[in-house]
Amino acid sequence: MNRFRSATLTSLTAGITIMAVLSLTAFVPLQSLFSWPLVSILWILWGLGIAAYRLFGSSGLESSTYIRRYTPYSLALTLAFIVFGMMHEWTLMGATLMAGYSFELVAGFILYNDFKRISGRFNAILFLVGITLFILALPLALFRLPWPAVAGVLLKTISIAKVVAGSSEPPALEERAAAA
């Protein structure tokens, strides 16, 4: 299996898991999300983030340079989010969550061109709308209103699933340059 396909499968798994965790915020107090069973899911998601970073960063996409350069900041801030949540420091948790995911929003805009090339314009727009809705609505989940963020993750996950279903190794940067 190539790195790109592994990266998209990793992202697909994370998206499904994120939808489940976000959905829980509508029914349980935020403090309950930081009990050990659910914290372990957050750690798994963080591990999936590291795997996606390594795989997308070495996949030969146009966005790989951005991913290699800036995703470590996002991962560090997401780690701080988990730690602050375990410490019940809600303000710091919210701030680090939004700061960390702001890098993902920028990555989404950069990945748009890769997705357009790989799976078509409609799917790239679906991905971009999904990631934008997810990131912008994420603070609502802290107030037990996760559904707009869940809808964003669903759109993003559908887009990634379409890429997984039809993906092959994307052309290397050198091949794209020669074709241009």
C-alpha atoms as a PDB file:
ATOM      1  CA  MET A   1       0.000   0.000   0.000  1.00  0.00           C
ATOM      2  CA  ASN A   2       1.450   3.381  -0.925  1.00  0.00           C
ATOM      3  CA  ARG A   3       1.980   6.233   1.549  1.00  0.00           C
ATOM      4  CA  PHE A   4      -0.787   8.383   0.112  1.00  0.00           C
ATOM      5  CA  ARG A   5      -3.386   5.631   0.403  1.00  0.00           C
ATOM      6  CA  SER A   6      -2.188   4.825   3.942  1.00  0.00           C
ATOM      7  CA  ALA A   7      -2.426   8.520   4.835  1.00  0.00           C
ATOM      8  CA  THR A   8      -5.988   8.812   3.544  1.00  0.00           C
ATOM      9  CA  LEU A   9      -7.037   5.610   5.348  1.00  0.00           C
ATOM     10  CA  THR A  10      -5.523   7.003   8.551  1.00  0.00           C
ATOM     11  CA  SER A  11      -7.446  10.264   8.056  1.00  0.00           C
ATOM     12  CA  LEU A  12     -10.628   8.323   7.350  1.00  0.00           C
ATOM     13  CA  THR A  13     -10.250   6.369  10.604  1.00  0.00           C
ATOM     14  CA  ALA A  14      -9.596   9.575  12.535  1.00  0.00           C
ATOM     15  CA  GLY A  15     -12.633  11.278  10.969  1.00  0.00           C
ATOM     16  CA  ILE A  16     -14.989   8.488  11.992  1.00  0.00           C
ATOM     17  CA  THR A  17     -13.558   8.517  15.515  1.00  0.00           C
ATOM     18  CA  ILE A  18     -13.799  12.320  15.767  1.00  0.00           C
ATOM     19  CA  MET A  19     -17.477  12.184  14.753  1.00  0.00           C
ATOM     20  CA  ALA A  20     -18.145   9.723  17.579  1.00  0.00           C
ATOM     21  CA  VAL A  21     -16.294  11.797  20.183  1.00  0.00           C
ATOM     22  CA  LEU A  22     -17.935  15.044  19.036  1.00  0.00           C
ATOM     23  CA  SER A  23     -21.359  13.417  19.187  1.00  0.00           C
ATOM     24  CA  LEU A  24     -20.737  12.478  22.811  1.00  0.00           C
ATOM     25  CA  THR A  25     -20.284  16.130  23.738  1.00  0.00           C
ATOM     26  CA  ALA A  26     -24.019  16.666  23.175  1.00  0.00           C
ATOM     27  CA  PHE A  27     -24.915  14.100  25.811  1.00  0.00           C
ATOM     28  CA  VAL A  28     -22.206  14.143  28.448  1.00  0.00           C
ATOM     29  CA  PRO A  29     -20.611  17.027  30.319  1.00  0.00           C
ATOM     30  CA  LEU A  30     -17.228  18.100  28.989  1.00  0.00           C
ATOM     31  CA  GLN A  31     -15.566  16.948  32.202  1.00  0.00           C
ATOM     32  CA  SER A  32     -16.780  13.394  31.531  1.00  0.00           C
ATOM     33  CA  LEU A  33     -14.953  13.359  28.213  1.00  0.00           C
ATOM     34  CA  PHE A  34     -11.733  13.527  30.169  1.00  0.00           C
ATOM     35  CA  SER A  35     -12.316  10.320  32.106  1.00  0.00           C
ATOM     36  CA  TRP A  36      -9.841   7.561  31.276  1.00  0.00           C
ATOM     37  CA  PRO A  37     -11.844   5.580  28.709  1.00  0.00           C
ATOM     38  CA  LEU A  38     -12.434   8.661  26.572  1.00  0.00           C
ATOM     39  CA  VAL A  39      -9.006  10.148  27.185  1.00  0.00           C
ATOM     40  CA  SER A  40      -7.556   6.965  25.725  1.00  0.00           C
ATOM     41  CA  ILE A  41      -9.564   7.658  22.543  1.00  0.00           C
ATOM     42  CA  LEU A  42      -8.099  11.173  22.426  1.00  0.00           C
ATOM     43  CA  TRP A  43      -4.599   9.683  22.737  1.00  0.00           C
ATOM     44  CA  ILE A  44      -5.397   7.287  19.892  1.00  0.00           C
ATOM     45  CA  LEU A  45      -6.569  10.228  17.778  1.00  0.00           C
ATOM     46  CA  TRP A  46      -3.340  12.057  18.575  1.00  0.00           C
ATOM     47  CA  GLY A  47      -1.385   8.970  17.480  1.00  0.00           C
ATOM     48  CA  LEU A  48      -3.399   8.861  14.246  1.00  0.00           C
ATOM     49  CA  GLY A  49      -2.479  12.530  13.749  1.00  0.00           C
ATOM     50  CA  ILE A  50       1.213  11.647  14.012  1.00  0.00           C
ATOM     51  CA  ALA A  51       0.782   8.790  11.549  1.00  0.00           C
ATOM     52  CA  ALA A  52      -1.133  10.991   9.078  1.00  0.00           C
ATOM     53  CA  TYR A  53       1.533  13.694   9.417  1.00  0.00           C
ATOM     54  CA  ARG A  54       4.342  11.282   8.598  1.00  0.00           C
ATOM     55  CA  LEU A  55       2.456   9.652   5.725  1.00  0.00           C
ATOM     56  CA  PHE A  56       1.096  12.817   4.086  1.00  0.00           C
ATOM     57  CA  GLY A  57       4.426  14.578   4.655  1.00  0.00           C
ATOM     58  CA  SER A  58       6.252  11.934   2.632  1.00  0.00           C
ATOM     59  CA  SER A  59       3.546  11.264   0.027  1.00  0.00           C
ATOM     60  CA  GLY A  60       4.821  13.559  -2.715  1.00  0.00           C
ATOM     61  CA  LEU A  61       1.782  15.847  -2.673  1.00  0.00           C
ATOM     62  CA  GLU A  62       2.169  19.541  -3.414  1.00  0.00           C
ATOM     63  CA  SER A  63       1.005  20.128   0.157  1.00  0.00           C
ATOM     64  CA  SER A  64       3.688  17.846   1.655  1.00  0.00           C
ATOM     65  CA  THR A  65       6.087  20.732   2.332  1.00  0.00           C
ATOM     66  CA  TYR A  66       3.481  22.629   4.363  1.00  0.00           C
ATOM     67  CA  ILE A  67       2.516  19.463   6.199  1.00  0.00           C
ATOM     68  CA  ARG A  68       6.136  18.671   7.118  1.00  0.00           C
ATOM     69  CA  ARG A  69       6.811  22.231   8.234  1.00  0.00           C
ATOM     70  CA  TYR A  70       3.671  23.176  10.203  1.00  0.00           C
ATOM     71  CA  THR A  71       1.850  20.048  11.340  1.00  0.00           C
ATOM     72  CA  PRO A  72       4.259  19.503  14.275  1.00  0.00           C
ATOM     73  CA  TYR A  73       2.939  22.769  15.759  1.00  0.00           C
ATOM     74  CA  SER A  74      -0.610  21.505  15.411  1.00  0.00           C
ATOM     75  CA  LEU A  75       0.318  18.187  17.010  1.00  0.00           C
ATOM     76  CA  ALA A  76       2.025  19.965  19.921  1.00  0.00           C
ATOM     77  CA  LEU A  77      -1.018  22.172  20.507  1.00  0.00           C
ATOM     78  CA  THR A  78      -3.348  19.185  20.280  1.00  0.00           C
ATOM     79  CA  LEU A  79      -1.198  17.404  22.866  1.00  0.00           C
ATOM     80  CA  ALA A  80      -1.550  20.474  25.108  1.00  0.00           C
ATOM     81  CA  PHE A  81      -5.341  20.313  24.551  1.00  0.00           C
ATOM     82  CA  ILE A  82      -5.448  16.753  25.864  1.00  0.00           C
ATOM     83  CA  VAL A  83      -3.225  17.573  28.857  1.00  0.00           C
ATOM     84  CA  PHE A  84      -5.215  20.719  29.745  1.00  0.00           C
ATOM     85  CA  GLY A  85      -8.434  18.717  29.443  1.00  0.00           C
ATOM     86  CA  MET A  86      -7.101  16.089  31.845  1.00  0.00           C
ATOM     87  CA  MET A  87      -6.231  18.944  34.217  1.00  0.00           C
ATOM     88  CA  HIS A  88      -9.752  20.421  33.731  1.00  0.00           C
ATOM     89  CA  GLU A  89      -8.276  23.720  32.535  1.00  0.00           C
ATOM     90  CA  TRP A  90     -11.141  24.484  30.184  1.00  0.00           C
ATOM     91  CA  THR A  91     -10.058  27.930  28.991  1.00  0.00           C
ATOM     92  CA  LEU A  92      -6.542  26.766  28.138  1.00  0.00           C
ATOM     93  CA  MET A  93      -7.987  23.634  26.597  1.00  0.00           C
ATOM     94  CA  GLY A  94     -10.269  25.622  24.285  1.00  0.00           C
ATOM     95  CA  ALA A  95      -7.513  28.034  23.296  1.00  0.00           C
ATOM     96  CA  THR A  96      -5.015  25.288  22.442  1.00  0.00           C
ATOM     97  CA  LEU A  97      -7.670  23.312  20.571  1.00  0.00           C
ATOM     98  CA  MET A  98      -8.503  26.232  18.300  1.00  0.00           C
ATOM     99  CA  ALA A  99      -4.861  27.215  17.836  1.00  0.00           C
ATOM    100  CA  GLY A 100      -3.922  23.651  16.933  1.00  0.00           C
ATOM    101  CA  TYR A 101      -6.783  23.198  14.502  1.00  0.00           C
ATOM    102  CA  SER A 102      -6.106  26.535  12.810  1.00  0.00           C
ATOM    103  CA  PHE A 103      -3.113  24.807  11.201  1.00  0.00           C
ATOM    104  CA  GLU A 104      -5.454  22.078   9.941  1.00  0.00           C
ATOM    105  CA  LEU A 105      -7.701  24.671   8.344  1.00  0.00           C
ATOM    106  CA  VAL A 106      -4.761  26.156   6.453  1.00  0.00           C
ATOM    107  CA  ALA A 107      -3.677  22.630   5.472  1.00  0.00           C
ATOM    108  CA  GLY A 108      -7.206  22.034   4.161  1.00  0.00           C
ATOM    109  CA  PHE A 109      -6.913  25.014   1.828  1.00  0.00           C
ATOM    110  CA  ILE A 110      -3.525  23.757   0.658  1.00  0.00           C
ATOM    111  CA  LEU A 111      -4.776  20.168   0.253  1.00  0.00           C
ATOM    112  CA  TYR A 112      -7.658  21.456  -1.878  1.00  0.00           C
ATOM    113  CA  ASN A 113      -5.454  21.502  -5.001  1.00  0.00           C
ATOM    114  CA  ASP A 114      -4.174  17.994  -4.314  1.00  0.00           C
ATOM    115  CA  PHE A 115      -7.703  16.677  -3.807  1.00  0.00           C
ATOM    116  CA  LYS A 116      -8.910  18.474  -6.950  1.00  0.00           C
ATOM    117  CA  ARG A 117      -6.153  16.878  -9.005  1.00  0.00           C
ATOM    118  CA  ILE A 118      -6.686  13.418  -7.500  1.00  0.00           C
ATOM    119  CA  SER A 119     -10.466  13.192  -7.197  1.00  0.00           C
ATOM    120  CA  GLY A 120     -12.023  16.135  -9.036  1.00  0.00           C
ATOM    121  CA  ARG A 121     -13.245  19.601  -8.233  1.00  0.00           C
ATOM    122  CA  PHE A 122     -16.546  18.600  -6.574  1.00  0.00           C
ATOM    123  CA  ASN A 123     -14.808  16.305  -4.101  1.00  0.00           C
ATOM    124  CA  ALA A 124     -12.156  18.936  -3.369  1.00  0.00           C
ATOM    125  CA  ILE A 125     -14.883  21.491  -2.626  1.00  0.00           C
ATOM    126  CA  LEU A 126     -16.671  18.943  -0.419  1.00  0.00           C
ATOM    127  CA  PHE A 127     -13.420  18.444   1.515  1.00  0.00           C
ATOM    128  CA  LEU A 128     -12.813  22.180   1.841  1.00  0.00           C
ATOM    129  CA  VAL A 129     -16.370  22.950   2.974  1.00  0.00           C
ATOM    130  CA  GLY A 130     -16.212  20.062   5.447  1.00  0.00           C
ATOM    131  CA  ILE A 131     -12.911  21.038   7.022  1.00  0.00           C
ATOM    132  CA  THR A 132     -13.929  24.709   7.198  1.00  0.00           C
ATOM    133  CA  LEU A 133     -17.276  23.922   8.844  1.00  0.00           C
ATOM    134  CA  PHE A 134     -15.586  21.519  11.262  1.00  0.00           C
ATOM    135  CA  ILE A 135     -12.926  23.989  12.388  1.00  0.00           C
ATOM    136  CA  LEU A 136     -15.196  27.016  12.620  1.00  0.00           C
ATOM    137  CA  ALA A 137     -17.923  25.098  14.488  1.00  0.00           C
ATOM    138  CA  LEU A 138     -15.551  23.256  16.832  1.00  0.00           C
ATOM    139  CA  PRO A 139     -15.909  25.807  19.679  1.00  0.00           C
ATOM    140  CA  LEU A 140     -19.645  25.062  19.761  1.00  0.00           C
ATOM    141  CA  ALA A 141     -18.842  21.496  20.833  1.00  0.00           C
ATOM    142  CA  LEU A 142     -17.339  22.910  24.015  1.00  0.00           C
ATOM    143  CA  PHE A 143     -20.847  24.236  24.756  1.00  0.00           C
ATOM    144  CA  ARG A 144     -22.563  20.912  23.980  1.00  0.00           C
ATOM    145  CA  LEU A 145     -23.579  21.933  20.437  1.00  0.00           C
ATOM    146  CA  PRO A 146     -21.443  19.592  18.344  1.00  0.00           C
ATOM    147  CA  TRP A 147     -23.747  19.042  15.361  1.00  0.00           C
ATOM    148  CA  PRO A 148     -22.332  21.687  12.982  1.00  0.00           C
ATOM    149  CA  ALA A 149     -18.807  20.362  13.656  1.00  0.00           C
ATOM    150  CA  VAL A 150     -20.043  16.779  13.212  1.00  0.00           C
ATOM    151  CA  ALA A 151     -21.576  17.790   9.860  1.00  0.00           C
ATOM    152  CA  GLY A 152     -18.221  19.268   8.834  1.00  0.00           C
ATOM    153  CA  VAL A 153     -16.340  16.115   9.802  1.00  0.00           C
ATOM    154  CA  LEU A 154     -18.940  14.041   7.942  1.00  0.00           C
ATOM    155  CA  LEU A 155     -18.429  16.041   4.729  1.00  0.00           C
ATOM    156  CA  LYS A 156     -14.652  15.868   5.112  1.00  0.00           C
ATOM    157  CA  THR A 157     -14.819  12.130   5.830  1.00  0.00           C
ATOM    158  CA  ILE A 158     -17.032  11.472   2.800  1.00  0.00           C
ATOM    159  CA  SER A 159     -14.527  13.363   0.653  1.00  0.00           C
ATOM    160  CA  ILE A 160     -11.608  11.379   2.073  1.00  0.00           C
ATOM    161  CA  ALA A 161     -13.545   8.127   1.553  1.00  0.00           C
ATOM    162  CA  LYS A 162     -14.012   9.060  -2.116  1.00  0.00           C
ATOM    163  CA  VAL A 163     -10.270   9.644  -2.396  1.00  0.00           C
ATOM    164  CA  VAL A 164      -9.564   6.288  -0.707  1.00  0.00           C
ATOM    165  CA  ALA A 165     -12.014   4.482  -2.994  1.00  0.00           C
ATOM    166  CA  GLY A 166     -10.406   5.844  -6.149  1.00  0.00           C
ATOM    167  CA  SER A 167      -6.883   6.569  -5.042  1.00  0.00           C
ATOM    168  CA  SER A 168      -3.693   5.496  -6.583  1.00  0.00           C
ATOM    169  CA  GLU A 169      -0.273   6.925  -5.902  1.00  0.00           C
ATOM    170  CA  PRO A 170      -0.434  10.630  -6.804  1.00  0.00           C
ATOM    171  CA  PRO A 171       2.087  11.737  -9.427  1.00  0.00           C
ATOM    172  CA  ALA A 172       5.401  12.761  -7.976  1.00  0.00           C
ATOM    173  CA  LEU A 173       6.323  16.433  -8.022  1.00  0.00           C
ATOM    174  CA  GLU A 174       8.854  15.833 -10.774  1.00  0.00           C
ATOM    175  CA  GLU A 175       6.220  14.158 -12.980  1.00  0.00           C
ATOM    176  CA  ARG A 176       3.818  17.069 -12.473  1.00  0.00           C
ATOM    177  CA  ALA A 177       6.528  19.568 -13.365  1.00  0.00           C
ATOM    178  CA  ALA A 178       7.405  17.633 -16.556  1.00  0.00           C
ATOM    179  CA  ALA A 179       3.737  17.465 -17.570  1.00  0.00           C
ATOM    180  CA  ALA A 180       3.239  21.241 -17.114  1.00  0.00           C
END
